[in-house]
């Protein structure tokens, strides 16, 4: 069991070993559920959505979808650190 300290602002910091156990990285989210017996349950918030959301992301606004060559070009720029 881990003991955490509450700050003057009412905040708690989770240590790296706890974050690793949850499988979360900096910038990701966790959920906290209040249990009826005064306990809380902390879980990693897993993204929800459909695979079709990815395909809709690739569509141009008010235009046709990207071609394979255009997708490859975008990917190459991303790997090179260019946007």
Protein backbone atom coordinates (compact mmCIF):
# COMPACT_ATOMS: atom_id res chain seq x y z
CA UNK A 1 0.00 0.00 0.00
CA UNK A 2 1.24 3.51 -0.79
CA UNK A 3 0.72 6.58 1.36
CA UNK A 4 0.40 9.90 -0.45
CA UNK A 5 0.51 13.42 0.94
CA UNK A 6 -2.24 15.96 0.30
CA UNK A 7 -0.99 19.47 -0.48
CA UNK A 8 -2.41 22.71 0.92
CA UNK A 9 -4.35 23.02 -2.36
CA UNK A 10 -5.95 19.60 -1.82
CA UNK A 11 -3.91 17.94 -4.54
CA UNK A 12 -2.22 14.55 -4.58
CA UNK A 13 0.71 13.52 -6.77
CA UNK A 14 0.92 9.89 -7.89
CA UNK A 15 4.43 8.45 -7.89
CA UNK A 16 6.01 6.98 -11.00
CA UNK A 17 5.54 3.40 -9.83
CA UNK A 18 1.79 3.95 -9.46
CA UNK A 19 1.54 5.60 -12.89
CA UNK A 20 3.48 2.71 -14.40
CA UNK A 21 1.11 0.25 -12.72
CA UNK A 22 -1.84 2.12 -14.27
CA UNK A 23 -0.08 2.11 -17.65
CA UNK A 24 -0.32 5.88 -18.14
CA UNK A 25 2.19 8.36 -19.48
CA UNK A 26 2.48 12.14 -18.95
CA UNK A 27 -0.40 13.91 -20.69
CA UNK A 28 -2.74 10.92 -20.51
CA UNK A 29 -5.84 10.88 -18.34
CA UNK A 30 -7.08 8.80 -15.45
CA UNK A 31 -10.58 8.38 -14.06
CA UNK A 32 -11.52 8.45 -10.39
CA UNK A 33 -14.74 6.84 -9.16
CA UNK A 34 -16.12 7.47 -5.68
CA UNK A 35 -17.11 4.24 -3.98
CA UNK A 36 -19.99 4.18 -1.46
CA UNK A 37 -17.76 3.06 1.42
CA UNK A 38 -15.54 6.17 1.28
CA UNK A 39 -12.92 4.67 -1.02
CA UNK A 40 -11.99 5.82 -4.51
CA UNK A 41 -11.08 3.74 -7.55
CA UNK A 42 -8.42 5.07 -9.94
CA UNK A 43 -8.19 3.70 -13.49
CA UNK A 44 -6.45 4.66 -16.70
CA UNK A 45 -8.91 6.45 -18.99
CA UNK A 46 -8.88 4.54 -22.24
CA UNK A 47 -9.85 6.40 -25.40
CA UNK A 48 -13.20 5.54 -26.85
CA UNK A 49 -14.27 5.83 -30.43
CA UNK A 50 -14.63 3.93 -33.63
CA UNK A 51 -12.00 2.90 -36.14
CA UNK A 52 -13.97 4.90 -38.70
CA UNK A 53 -12.98 8.07 -36.80
CA UNK A 54 -9.44 7.57 -38.11
CA UNK A 55 -10.63 7.43 -41.69
CA UNK A 56 -12.72 10.56 -41.25
CA UNK A 57 -9.60 12.29 -39.94
CA UNK A 58 -7.85 11.67 -43.25
CA UNK A 59 -10.54 13.42 -45.28
CA UNK A 60 -9.99 16.98 -46.40
CA UNK A 61 -12.52 19.53 -45.31
CA UNK A 62 -14.80 20.33 -48.24
CA UNK A 63 -12.79 18.18 -50.61
CA UNK A 64 -11.75 14.67 -51.60
CA UNK A 65 -9.81 12.31 -49.34
CA UNK A 66 -6.02 12.37 -49.46
CA UNK A 67 -4.34 10.18 -52.05
CA UNK A 68 -1.79 7.55 -51.02
CA UNK A 69 1.03 9.79 -52.29
CA UNK A 70 -0.30 12.74 -50.27
CA UNK A 71 -0.55 10.57 -47.14
CA UNK A 72 3.04 9.37 -47.66
CA UNK A 73 4.21 12.96 -48.05
CA UNK A 74 2.46 14.03 -44.84
CA UNK A 75 3.97 11.05 -42.99
CA UNK A 76 7.47 11.83 -44.30
CA UNK A 77 7.18 15.45 -43.17
CA UNK A 78 6.05 14.25 -39.75
CA UNK A 79 9.04 11.94 -39.37
CA UNK A 80 11.32 14.82 -40.40
CA UNK A 81 9.80 17.02 -37.68
CA UNK A 82 8.07 19.31 -40.20
CA UNK A 83 4.38 20.11 -40.16
